[in-house]
C-alpha cells in the first residue's frame, strides 16, 4: 500500500514538472493563476 502511494505521488510530481518545464515556468503559472483570481475578485466587487 505504501509503495503504491509513493508511486502515485511520484507520477503526479513528474506530470506537474513536465507540464511546467522549469521552476521558472511553474512560477509564471502560479503568478498567472493569482492574477486571474485577483481580477475575478475585483470584477465581482464592482
N, C-alpha and C. Protein backbone atom coordinates (compact mmCIF):
# COMPACT_ATOMS: atom_id res chain seq x y z
N UNK A 1 0.83 -1.19 0.00
CA UNK A 1 0.00 0.00 0.00
C UNK A 1 0.87 1.26 0.00
N UNK A 2 1.89 1.27 0.82
CA UNK A 2 2.77 2.44 0.91
C UNK A 2 3.51 2.65 -0.40
N UNK A 3 3.93 1.56 -1.02
CA UNK A 3 4.63 1.65 -2.29
C UNK A 3 3.72 2.23 -3.36
N UNK A 4 2.47 1.87 -3.35
CA UNK A 4 1.51 2.38 -4.33
C UNK A 4 1.33 3.88 -4.16
N UNK A 5 1.23 4.35 -2.91
CA UNK A 5 1.09 5.79 -2.65
C UNK A 5 2.31 6.55 -3.15
N UNK A 6 3.50 6.03 -2.86
CA UNK A 6 4.72 6.69 -3.32
C UNK A 6 4.79 6.73 -4.84
N UNK A 7 4.38 5.67 -5.48
CA UNK A 7 4.37 5.62 -6.94
C UNK A 7 3.41 6.65 -7.51
N UNK A 8 2.21 6.75 -6.95
CA UNK A 8 1.24 7.72 -7.44
C UNK A 8 1.71 9.16 -7.22
N UNK A 9 2.28 9.43 -6.06
CA UNK A 9 2.80 10.78 -5.78
C UNK A 9 3.94 11.12 -6.74
N UNK A 10 4.82 10.17 -6.98
CA UNK A 10 5.93 10.39 -7.90
C UNK A 10 5.43 10.68 -9.31
N UNK A 11 4.44 9.94 -9.75
CA UNK A 11 3.88 10.16 -11.08
C UNK A 11 3.22 11.53 -11.18
N UNK A 12 2.55 11.93 -10.14
CA UNK A 12 1.91 13.24 -10.12
C UNK A 12 2.96 14.35 -10.21
N UNK A 13 4.01 14.22 -9.42
CA UNK A 13 5.07 15.23 -9.45
C UNK A 13 5.75 15.31 -10.81
N UNK A 14 6.01 14.17 -11.42
CA UNK A 14 6.62 14.15 -12.75
C UNK A 14 5.71 14.86 -13.74
N UNK A 15 4.42 14.60 -13.66
CA UNK A 15 3.47 15.26 -14.56
C UNK A 15 3.45 16.76 -14.37
N UNK A 16 3.48 17.20 -13.13
CA UNK A 16 3.47 18.64 -12.85
C UNK A 16 4.74 19.29 -13.37
N UNK A 17 5.88 18.68 -13.08
CA UNK A 17 7.14 19.25 -13.53
C UNK A 17 7.27 19.24 -15.05
N UNK A 18 6.78 18.19 -15.69
CA UNK A 18 6.84 18.12 -17.15
C UNK A 18 5.94 19.18 -17.77
N UNK A 19 4.82 19.45 -17.12
CA UNK A 19 3.89 20.46 -17.63
C UNK A 19 4.46 21.86 -17.55
N UNK A 20 5.21 22.13 -16.53
CA UNK A 20 5.77 23.47 -16.34
C UNK A 20 7.10 23.62 -17.07
N UNK A 21 7.83 22.56 -17.21
CA UNK A 21 9.11 22.62 -17.90
C UNK A 21 10.25 22.98 -16.96
N UNK A 22 10.11 24.06 -16.24
CA UNK A 22 11.16 24.51 -15.33
C UNK A 22 10.51 25.11 -14.08
N UNK A 23 11.32 25.36 -13.08
CA UNK A 23 10.82 26.03 -11.87
C UNK A 23 10.35 27.43 -12.22
N UNK A 24 11.06 28.09 -13.12
CA UNK A 24 10.66 29.42 -13.57
C UNK A 24 9.30 29.37 -14.24
N UNK A 25 9.07 28.35 -15.05
CA UNK A 25 7.77 28.18 -15.69
C UNK A 25 6.67 27.97 -14.67
N UNK A 26 6.97 27.22 -13.63
CA UNK A 26 5.98 26.99 -12.57
C UNK A 26 5.65 28.31 -11.88
N UNK A 27 6.64 29.13 -11.66
CA UNK A 27 6.41 30.45 -11.05
C UNK A 27 5.50 31.31 -11.90
N UNK A 28 5.71 31.27 -13.19
CA UNK A 28 4.85 32.03 -14.11
C UNK A 28 3.42 31.49 -14.09
N UNK A 29 3.27 30.18 -14.05
CA UNK A 29 1.94 29.57 -14.00
C UNK A 29 1.21 29.98 -12.73
N UNK A 30 1.89 29.95 -11.60
CA UNK A 30 1.28 30.32 -10.33
C UNK A 30 0.93 31.80 -10.32
N UNK A 31 1.81 32.61 -10.86
CA UNK A 31 1.56 34.05 -10.93
C UNK A 31 0.35 34.36 -11.80
N UNK A 32 0.25 33.68 -12.93
CA UNK A 32 -0.90 33.89 -13.83
C UNK A 32 -2.20 33.50 -13.14
N UNK A 33 -2.18 32.40 -12.42
CA UNK A 33 -3.38 31.97 -11.69
C UNK A 33 -3.76 33.01 -10.65
N UNK A 34 -2.78 33.57 -9.97
CA UNK A 34 -3.04 34.61 -8.97
C UNK A 34 -3.66 35.85 -9.58
N UNK A 35 -3.19 36.23 -10.76
CA UNK A 35 -3.74 37.40 -11.45
C UNK A 35 -5.20 37.15 -11.86
N UNK A 36 -5.48 35.96 -12.34
CA UNK A 36 -6.85 35.63 -12.73
C UNK A 36 -7.78 35.70 -11.53
N UNK A 37 -7.36 35.15 -10.41
CA UNK A 37 -8.19 35.18 -9.20
C UNK A 37 -8.38 36.61 -8.72
N UNK A 38 -7.31 37.39 -8.74
CA UNK A 38 -7.39 38.77 -8.30
C UNK A 38 -8.33 39.60 -9.19
N UNK A 39 -8.20 39.43 -10.50
CA UNK A 39 -9.06 40.17 -11.43
C UNK A 39 -10.52 39.75 -11.28
N UNK A 40 -10.77 38.47 -11.07
CA UNK A 40 -12.14 38.00 -10.88
C UNK A 40 -12.74 38.59 -9.61
N UNK A 41 -11.95 38.65 -8.57
CA UNK A 41 -12.43 39.22 -7.30
C UNK A 41 -12.75 40.70 -7.46
N UNK A 42 -11.92 41.42 -8.19
CA UNK A 42 -12.15 42.85 -8.40
C UNK A 42 -13.41 43.07 -9.22
N UNK A 43 -13.61 42.26 -10.26
CA UNK A 43 -14.81 42.40 -11.08
C UNK A 43 -16.06 42.06 -10.29
N UNK A 44 -15.97 41.07 -9.43
CA UNK A 44 -17.14 40.67 -8.63
C UNK A 44 -17.52 41.73 -7.61
N UNK A 45 -16.54 42.51 -7.16
CA UNK A 45 -16.83 43.52 -6.14
C UNK A 45 -17.39 44.81 -6.74
N UNK A 46 -17.39 44.91 -8.04
CA UNK A 46 -17.91 46.14 -8.69
C UNK A 46 -19.39 46.14 -8.77
